[in-house]
N, C-alpha and C. Protein backbone atom coordinates (compact mmCIF):
# COMPACT_ATOMS: atom_id res chain seq x y z
N MET A 1 100.36 92.26 122.61
CA MET A 1 99.42 93.18 122.45
C MET A 1 99.64 93.97 121.17
N SER A 2 98.64 94.46 120.35
CA SER A 2 98.78 95.00 119.16
C SER A 2 99.27 96.48 119.51
N ARG A 3 100.33 96.80 118.94
CA ARG A 3 101.10 98.16 119.24
C ARG A 3 100.66 99.18 118.31
N VAL A 4 100.56 98.96 116.94
CA VAL A 4 100.67 99.98 115.83
C VAL A 4 99.67 99.43 114.78
N ILE A 5 98.91 100.37 114.28
CA ILE A 5 98.33 100.05 113.07
C ILE A 5 98.85 101.03 111.97
N TYR A 6 99.14 100.43 110.89
CA TYR A 6 99.79 101.09 109.71
C TYR A 6 98.62 101.07 108.64
N ILE A 7 98.48 102.33 107.94
CA ILE A 7 97.44 102.35 106.86
C ILE A 7 98.36 102.74 105.66
N ASP A 8 98.21 101.85 104.64
CA ASP A 8 98.78 102.13 103.21
C ASP A 8 97.58 103.01 102.59
N ALA A 9 97.90 104.31 102.79
CA ALA A 9 96.74 105.24 102.66
C ALA A 9 96.34 105.62 101.21
N ASP A 10 97.06 105.47 100.26
CA ASP A 10 96.72 105.82 99.09
C ASP A 10 95.46 104.95 98.51
N ALA A 11 94.40 105.70 98.31
CA ALA A 11 93.14 105.12 97.73
C ALA A 11 92.51 104.14 98.93
N CYS A 12 92.84 104.43 100.07
CA CYS A 12 92.10 103.71 101.27
C CYS A 12 90.88 104.32 101.79
N PRO A 13 89.77 103.72 101.62
CA PRO A 13 88.47 104.30 102.08
C PRO A 13 88.16 104.20 103.41
N VAL A 14 88.98 103.61 104.23
CA VAL A 14 88.63 103.31 105.66
C VAL A 14 89.62 103.88 106.60
N LYS A 15 90.23 105.03 106.26
CA LYS A 15 91.13 105.65 107.22
C LYS A 15 90.47 106.08 108.41
N ASP A 16 89.28 106.74 108.35
CA ASP A 16 88.77 107.21 109.52
C ASP A 16 88.19 106.18 110.48
N GLU A 17 87.63 105.18 109.83
CA GLU A 17 87.11 103.95 110.59
C GLU A 17 88.34 103.22 111.40
N THR A 18 89.44 103.17 110.70
CA THR A 18 90.62 102.63 111.35
C THR A 18 91.00 103.52 112.64
N VAL A 19 91.03 104.73 112.37
CA VAL A 19 91.36 105.57 113.54
C VAL A 19 90.33 105.46 114.71
N GLN A 20 89.06 105.43 114.39
CA GLN A 20 88.02 105.21 115.44
C GLN A 20 88.26 103.85 116.29
N VAL A 21 88.65 102.86 115.64
CA VAL A 21 88.97 101.57 116.22
C VAL A 21 90.08 101.60 117.15
N ALA A 22 91.16 102.29 116.56
CA ALA A 22 92.43 102.43 117.09
C ALA A 22 92.32 103.31 118.44
N ARG A 23 91.48 104.40 118.38
CA ARG A 23 91.24 105.18 119.48
C ARG A 23 90.50 104.55 120.68
N ARG A 24 89.62 103.54 120.29
CA ARG A 24 88.96 102.76 121.27
C ARG A 24 90.02 101.91 122.06
N HIS A 25 91.13 101.45 121.39
CA HIS A 25 92.11 100.64 121.95
C HIS A 25 93.45 101.26 122.46
N GLY A 26 93.41 102.57 122.18
CA GLY A 26 94.44 103.20 122.56
C GLY A 26 95.85 103.02 121.78
N LEU A 27 95.53 102.72 120.41
CA LEU A 27 96.69 102.37 119.60
C LEU A 27 97.21 103.47 118.61
N ARG A 28 98.47 103.50 118.50
CA ARG A 28 98.97 104.44 117.59
C ARG A 28 98.66 104.08 116.09
N VAL A 29 98.50 105.12 115.25
CA VAL A 29 98.20 104.85 113.90
C VAL A 29 99.14 105.68 112.96
N TYR A 30 99.75 105.03 112.04
CA TYR A 30 100.56 105.69 111.06
C TYR A 30 99.85 105.52 109.70
N ILE A 31 99.53 106.89 109.11
CA ILE A 31 98.76 106.87 107.77
C ILE A 31 99.87 107.29 106.89
N VAL A 32 100.30 106.28 105.95
CA VAL A 32 101.41 106.60 105.08
C VAL A 32 101.02 106.52 103.63
N SER A 33 101.47 107.69 103.07
CA SER A 33 101.43 107.90 101.58
C SER A 33 102.38 108.73 101.00
N ASN A 34 102.28 108.90 99.69
CA ASN A 34 103.39 109.90 99.03
C ASN A 34 102.67 111.19 98.68
N GLY A 35 101.78 111.55 99.43
CA GLY A 35 101.19 112.90 99.46
C GLY A 35 99.82 112.87 99.08
N GLY A 36 99.24 114.03 99.12
CA GLY A 36 97.89 114.42 98.75
C GLY A 36 96.72 114.01 99.83
N ILE A 37 97.33 113.77 101.07
CA ILE A 37 96.21 113.62 102.17
C ILE A 37 96.64 114.67 103.28
N ARG A 38 95.72 114.93 103.95
CA ARG A 38 95.75 116.12 104.99
C ARG A 38 96.15 115.33 106.31
N PRO A 39 97.03 116.06 107.13
CA PRO A 39 97.42 115.31 108.47
C PRO A 39 96.12 115.21 109.27
N HIS A 40 96.10 114.14 109.99
CA HIS A 40 94.95 113.80 110.89
C HIS A 40 95.05 114.57 112.24
N GLN A 41 94.10 114.98 112.82
CA GLN A 41 94.07 115.78 114.13
C GLN A 41 94.16 114.99 115.31
N ASP A 42 93.95 113.65 115.23
CA ASP A 42 93.93 112.84 116.41
C ASP A 42 95.39 112.69 117.03
N PRO A 43 95.68 112.94 118.30
CA PRO A 43 97.06 112.90 118.70
C PRO A 43 97.78 111.47 118.53
N LEU A 44 96.79 110.26 118.38
CA LEU A 44 97.50 108.87 118.21
C LEU A 44 97.75 108.73 116.81
N VAL A 45 97.49 109.73 115.90
CA VAL A 45 97.71 109.52 114.44
C VAL A 45 98.91 110.21 114.01
N GLN A 46 99.75 109.68 113.27
CA GLN A 46 100.80 110.44 112.63
C GLN A 46 100.77 110.13 111.18
N THR A 47 100.73 111.11 110.35
CA THR A 47 100.62 111.09 108.96
C THR A 47 102.08 111.23 108.50
N VAL A 48 102.46 110.31 107.70
CA VAL A 48 103.94 110.00 107.12
C VAL A 48 103.68 110.20 105.64
N ILE A 49 104.39 111.25 104.99
CA ILE A 49 104.42 111.55 103.79
C ILE A 49 105.81 111.11 103.34
N VAL A 50 105.92 110.02 102.27
CA VAL A 50 107.26 109.55 101.82
C VAL A 50 107.39 110.14 100.50
N SER A 51 108.70 109.90 99.86
CA SER A 51 108.97 110.48 98.67
C SER A 51 108.25 109.67 97.48
N ASP A 52 108.11 110.22 96.38
CA ASP A 52 107.53 109.76 95.28
C ASP A 52 108.36 108.48 94.75
N GLY A 53 107.73 107.53 94.23
CA GLY A 53 108.47 106.27 93.63
C GLY A 53 107.78 105.05 93.98
N PRO A 54 107.85 104.12 93.02
CA PRO A 54 107.12 102.93 93.26
C PRO A 54 107.42 102.22 94.52
N ASP A 55 106.36 101.86 95.22
CA ASP A 55 106.36 101.06 96.57
C ASP A 55 107.24 101.80 97.66
N VAL A 56 107.41 103.03 97.75
CA VAL A 56 108.18 103.71 98.76
C VAL A 56 107.40 103.65 99.97
N ALA A 57 106.01 103.94 99.99
CA ALA A 57 105.22 103.87 101.17
C ALA A 57 105.27 102.49 101.61
N ASP A 58 105.08 101.43 100.73
CA ASP A 58 105.06 100.01 101.33
C ASP A 58 106.39 99.65 101.79
N LYS A 59 107.53 100.11 101.47
CA LYS A 59 108.75 99.88 101.98
C LYS A 59 108.91 100.41 103.48
N TRP A 60 108.25 101.66 103.51
CA TRP A 60 108.44 102.25 104.85
C TRP A 60 107.62 101.54 105.76
N ILE A 61 106.46 101.09 105.49
CA ILE A 61 105.59 100.21 106.38
C ILE A 61 106.25 98.86 106.65
N ALA A 62 106.74 98.21 105.65
CA ALA A 62 107.14 96.90 105.84
C ALA A 62 108.48 96.86 106.68
N ASP A 63 109.28 98.02 106.58
CA ASP A 63 110.52 98.16 107.47
C ASP A 63 110.15 98.34 108.90
N ARG A 64 108.92 98.73 109.26
CA ARG A 64 108.54 98.96 110.64
C ARG A 64 107.62 98.18 111.22
N ALA A 65 106.84 97.47 110.48
CA ALA A 65 105.66 96.61 110.94
C ALA A 65 106.37 95.39 111.68
N SER A 66 105.86 95.02 112.83
CA SER A 66 106.38 93.87 113.48
C SER A 66 105.36 93.11 114.24
N ASP A 67 105.59 92.04 114.94
CA ASP A 67 104.79 91.15 115.63
C ASP A 67 103.73 91.90 116.38
N GLY A 68 102.47 91.59 116.25
CA GLY A 68 101.41 92.24 116.87
C GLY A 68 100.79 93.52 116.25
N ASP A 69 101.50 94.09 115.25
CA ASP A 69 101.00 95.22 114.51
C ASP A 69 99.96 94.88 113.46
N VAL A 70 99.11 95.68 113.01
CA VAL A 70 98.21 95.59 111.90
C VAL A 70 98.39 96.47 110.82
N VAL A 71 98.44 95.84 109.44
CA VAL A 71 98.62 96.70 108.38
C VAL A 71 97.31 96.62 107.54
N VAL A 72 96.71 97.90 107.12
CA VAL A 72 95.67 97.93 106.39
C VAL A 72 96.21 98.43 104.97
N THR A 73 96.02 97.36 104.02
CA THR A 73 96.45 97.51 102.69
C THR A 73 95.79 96.72 101.73
N ALA A 74 95.63 97.10 100.43
CA ALA A 74 95.17 96.24 99.39
C ALA A 74 96.35 95.69 98.57
N ASP A 75 97.64 95.83 98.91
CA ASP A 75 98.90 95.47 98.17
C ASP A 75 99.17 94.16 98.66
N ILE A 76 99.08 93.11 97.79
CA ILE A 76 99.33 91.73 98.14
C ILE A 76 100.80 91.53 98.58
N THR A 77 101.73 92.22 97.81
CA THR A 77 103.15 92.01 98.03
C THR A 77 103.47 92.64 99.51
N LEU A 78 102.90 93.86 99.69
CA LEU A 78 103.16 94.40 101.13
C LEU A 78 102.58 93.44 102.19
N ALA A 79 101.48 93.02 101.89
CA ALA A 79 100.75 92.03 102.85
C ALA A 79 101.75 90.78 103.12
N ALA A 80 102.24 90.25 102.12
CA ALA A 80 103.19 89.04 102.09
C ALA A 80 104.46 89.48 103.17
N ARG A 81 104.88 90.62 102.89
CA ARG A 81 106.03 91.05 103.63
C ARG A 81 105.85 91.24 105.14
N VAL A 82 104.63 91.86 105.49
CA VAL A 82 104.38 92.07 106.78
C VAL A 82 103.84 90.85 107.50
N ILE A 83 103.20 89.98 106.89
CA ILE A 83 102.87 88.62 107.53
C ILE A 83 104.13 87.86 107.85
N ALA A 84 105.17 87.90 107.09
CA ALA A 84 106.38 87.29 107.31
C ALA A 84 107.10 87.93 108.50
N SER A 85 106.65 89.14 108.80
CA SER A 85 107.29 89.84 110.16
C SER A 85 106.45 89.47 111.37
N GLY A 86 105.23 88.95 111.22
CA GLY A 86 104.54 88.55 112.31
C GLY A 86 103.31 89.52 112.44
N SER A 87 103.18 90.53 111.52
CA SER A 87 102.07 91.48 111.54
C SER A 87 100.80 90.81 111.06
N ALA A 88 99.64 91.40 111.27
CA ALA A 88 98.30 90.98 110.57
C ALA A 88 98.27 91.94 109.41
N ALA A 89 97.59 91.60 108.45
CA ALA A 89 97.20 92.42 107.20
C ALA A 89 95.87 92.22 106.82
N LEU A 90 95.25 93.33 106.61
CA LEU A 90 93.84 93.36 106.29
C LEU A 90 93.51 94.27 105.18
N ARG A 91 92.58 93.95 104.05
CA ARG A 91 92.13 94.71 103.01
C ARG A 91 91.12 95.65 103.62
N HIS A 92 90.85 96.71 102.89
CA HIS A 92 89.84 97.66 103.35
C HIS A 92 88.46 97.07 103.07
N ASN A 93 88.32 96.05 102.38
CA ASN A 93 86.96 95.56 102.37
C ASN A 93 86.63 94.31 103.44
N GLY A 94 87.65 94.28 104.18
CA GLY A 94 87.53 93.18 105.42
C GLY A 94 88.14 91.85 105.17
N ASP A 95 88.67 91.56 103.84
CA ASP A 95 89.45 90.31 103.64
C ASP A 95 90.79 90.40 104.39
N VAL A 96 90.98 89.29 105.16
CA VAL A 96 92.16 89.19 106.03
C VAL A 96 93.20 88.41 105.09
N PHE A 97 94.30 88.96 105.01
CA PHE A 97 95.52 88.20 104.45
C PHE A 97 96.14 87.31 105.59
N SER A 98 96.46 86.10 105.29
CA SER A 98 97.05 85.28 106.13
C SER A 98 98.14 84.43 105.61
N ALA A 99 98.92 83.72 106.59
CA ALA A 99 99.94 82.79 106.05
C ALA A 99 99.33 81.71 105.18
N GLU A 100 98.15 81.28 105.40
CA GLU A 100 97.46 80.24 104.72
C GLU A 100 97.13 80.74 103.27
N ASN A 101 96.75 82.06 103.13
CA ASN A 101 96.13 82.50 101.83
C ASN A 101 97.11 83.27 100.98
N ILE A 102 98.06 83.86 101.51
CA ILE A 102 98.96 84.85 100.78
C ILE A 102 99.71 84.20 99.57
N GLY A 103 100.17 82.97 99.58
CA GLY A 103 100.76 82.25 98.64
C GLY A 103 99.88 82.17 97.31
N SER A 104 98.64 81.86 97.48
CA SER A 104 97.76 81.79 96.33
C SER A 104 97.38 83.04 95.89
N GLN A 105 97.29 84.13 96.65
CA GLN A 105 96.97 85.47 96.22
C GLN A 105 98.21 85.92 95.42
N LEU A 106 99.42 85.79 95.85
CA LEU A 106 100.55 86.24 95.10
C LEU A 106 100.54 85.54 93.67
N ALA A 107 100.27 84.31 93.76
CA ALA A 107 100.32 83.53 92.36
C ALA A 107 99.20 84.19 91.42
N THR A 108 98.05 84.23 92.01
CA THR A 108 96.87 84.97 91.13
C THR A 108 97.39 86.24 90.63
N ARG A 109 97.88 86.99 91.57
CA ARG A 109 98.41 88.43 91.22
C ARG A 109 99.47 88.30 90.03
N ASP A 110 100.35 87.42 90.32
CA ASP A 110 101.44 87.26 89.01
C ASP A 110 100.83 86.72 87.89
N LEU A 111 99.89 85.81 87.91
CA LEU A 111 99.17 85.31 86.63
C LEU A 111 98.47 86.35 85.90
N MET A 112 97.71 87.23 86.78
CA MET A 112 96.89 88.25 86.09
C MET A 112 97.97 89.37 85.51
N THR A 113 99.00 89.59 86.09
CA THR A 113 100.11 90.53 85.54
C THR A 113 100.58 89.98 84.24
N ASP A 114 100.86 88.74 84.21
CA ASP A 114 101.31 88.09 82.86
C ASP A 114 100.29 87.97 81.81
N LEU A 115 98.93 87.84 82.30
CA LEU A 115 97.98 87.93 81.20
C LEU A 115 97.76 89.23 80.64
N ARG A 116 97.81 90.30 81.51
CA ARG A 116 97.69 91.74 81.16
C ARG A 116 98.85 92.16 80.15
N ALA A 117 100.01 91.51 80.44
CA ALA A 117 101.22 91.90 79.61
C ALA A 117 100.97 91.30 78.22
N ALA A 118 100.48 89.95 78.17
CA ALA A 118 100.32 89.38 77.02
C ALA A 118 99.12 90.04 76.11
N ASP A 119 98.04 90.30 76.72
CA ASP A 119 96.93 91.04 76.18
C ASP A 119 96.63 92.38 76.77
N PRO A 120 97.24 93.45 76.41
CA PRO A 120 97.08 94.79 77.02
C PRO A 120 95.60 95.36 76.80
N LEU A 121 94.82 94.72 75.94
CA LEU A 121 93.44 95.18 75.83
C LEU A 121 92.59 94.31 76.72
N MET A 122 93.03 93.52 77.53
CA MET A 122 92.33 92.56 78.43
C MET A 122 91.24 93.49 79.21
N THR A 123 89.87 92.84 79.32
CA THR A 123 88.98 93.69 79.97
C THR A 123 89.10 93.42 81.41
N ARG A 124 88.38 94.32 82.27
CA ARG A 124 88.32 94.17 83.66
C ARG A 124 87.73 92.93 84.02
N ALA A 125 87.06 92.16 83.41
CA ALA A 125 86.28 91.07 83.84
C ALA A 125 87.22 90.17 84.38
N GLY A 126 86.77 89.70 85.61
CA GLY A 126 87.60 88.71 86.44
C GLY A 126 88.72 89.37 87.28
N LYS A 127 88.90 90.63 87.06
CA LYS A 127 89.99 91.46 87.92
C LYS A 127 89.41 91.84 89.24
N GLN A 128 90.14 91.41 90.21
CA GLN A 128 89.75 91.90 91.54
C GLN A 128 89.77 93.32 91.64
N GLY A 129 88.66 93.85 92.41
CA GLY A 129 88.54 95.21 92.70
C GLY A 129 87.64 95.87 91.63
N GLY A 130 87.09 95.26 90.92
CA GLY A 130 86.18 95.76 89.80
C GLY A 130 84.70 96.28 90.36
N ARG A 131 84.42 95.94 91.58
CA ARG A 131 83.18 96.32 92.16
C ARG A 131 83.33 97.46 93.09
N ALA A 132 82.28 98.26 93.16
CA ALA A 132 82.33 99.38 94.11
C ALA A 132 82.37 99.04 95.55
N PHE A 133 83.08 99.84 96.37
CA PHE A 133 83.25 99.64 97.81
C PHE A 133 81.78 99.97 98.49
N SER A 134 81.35 98.90 99.28
CA SER A 134 79.94 98.93 99.85
C SER A 134 79.99 99.14 101.32
N LYS A 135 78.62 99.37 101.83
CA LYS A 135 78.39 99.47 103.27
C LYS A 135 78.77 98.19 103.90
N GLN A 136 78.56 97.07 103.16
CA GLN A 136 78.77 95.68 103.73
C GLN A 136 80.39 95.50 103.85
N ASP A 137 81.17 96.08 102.96
CA ASP A 137 82.60 95.95 102.94
C ASP A 137 83.06 96.84 104.11
N ARG A 138 82.54 97.89 104.36
CA ARG A 138 83.05 98.75 105.50
C ARG A 138 82.68 98.00 106.77
N SER A 139 81.44 97.41 106.96
CA SER A 139 81.13 96.78 108.20
C SER A 139 82.05 95.62 108.34
N ARG A 140 82.34 94.91 107.35
CA ARG A 140 83.02 93.68 107.52
C ARG A 140 84.70 94.09 107.86
N PHE A 141 85.03 95.17 107.28
CA PHE A 141 86.28 95.72 107.57
C PHE A 141 86.39 96.03 109.08
N LEU A 142 85.29 96.81 109.64
CA LEU A 142 85.32 97.12 111.09
C LEU A 142 85.44 95.91 111.97
N GLU A 143 84.43 95.01 111.68
CA GLU A 143 84.54 93.73 112.41
C GLU A 143 85.79 92.96 112.36
N ARG A 144 86.42 92.83 111.32
CA ARG A 144 87.69 91.98 111.27
C ARG A 144 88.83 92.79 111.77
N LEU A 145 88.96 94.19 111.79
CA LEU A 145 89.86 94.89 112.38
C LEU A 145 89.77 94.79 113.88
N GLU A 146 88.59 94.96 114.41
CA GLU A 146 88.38 94.79 115.83
C GLU A 146 88.86 93.23 116.23
N ALA A 147 88.59 92.13 115.44
CA ALA A 147 88.94 90.87 115.82
C ALA A 147 90.44 90.73 115.69
N LEU A 148 91.03 91.34 114.90
CA LEU A 148 92.54 91.18 114.69
C LEU A 148 93.26 92.00 115.98
N ILE A 149 92.75 92.94 116.36
CA ILE A 149 93.33 93.68 117.55
C ILE A 149 93.03 92.87 118.80
N ARG A 150 91.80 92.29 118.84
CA ARG A 150 91.55 91.42 120.10
C ARG A 150 92.39 90.27 120.15
N LYS A 151 92.54 89.56 119.04
CA LYS A 151 93.51 88.57 118.89
C LYS A 151 94.93 88.75 119.32
N ALA A 152 95.35 89.92 118.75
CA ALA A 152 96.81 90.28 119.13
C ALA A 152 96.93 90.71 120.64
N ASN A 153 95.81 91.17 121.16
CA ASN A 153 95.83 91.58 122.62
C ASN A 153 95.79 90.25 123.58
N ARG A 154 95.23 89.29 123.03
CA ARG A 154 95.22 87.79 123.68
C ARG A 154 96.60 87.25 123.73
N SER A 155 97.27 87.52 122.55
CA SER A 155 98.52 86.68 122.43
C SER A 155 99.59 87.22 123.38
């Protein structure tokens, strides 16, 4: 059974939607960031403020996420770490990270990092995340989060 949902909260547009789904299933939610967000009022939700620094929130989540948990993140490296621990990982637009696709996503991210380093004036063309977050993204996220939780509950 899915025990916990972790939200990598910096710039996450689906925090409230995640809490709504978690409430339906009676799941605890940890909203993790390095500041700048208000504590949530729902008793199932704990807001965790970590110290400033690169990937501190990601490390906090990765150290705790385990089999049956769900992690909401856009960070490919964090997704790879939590998948290895048996957690499910989901982007805020509804894209599911999986053991089958995480390797190619890491490789693409590394390639894009190398290309940007070689050409710092590289345009945003072809970069993931260049389009606005849409209602369809929000709907797909809700559908996929619900599916991941149901799948974890069946396991």
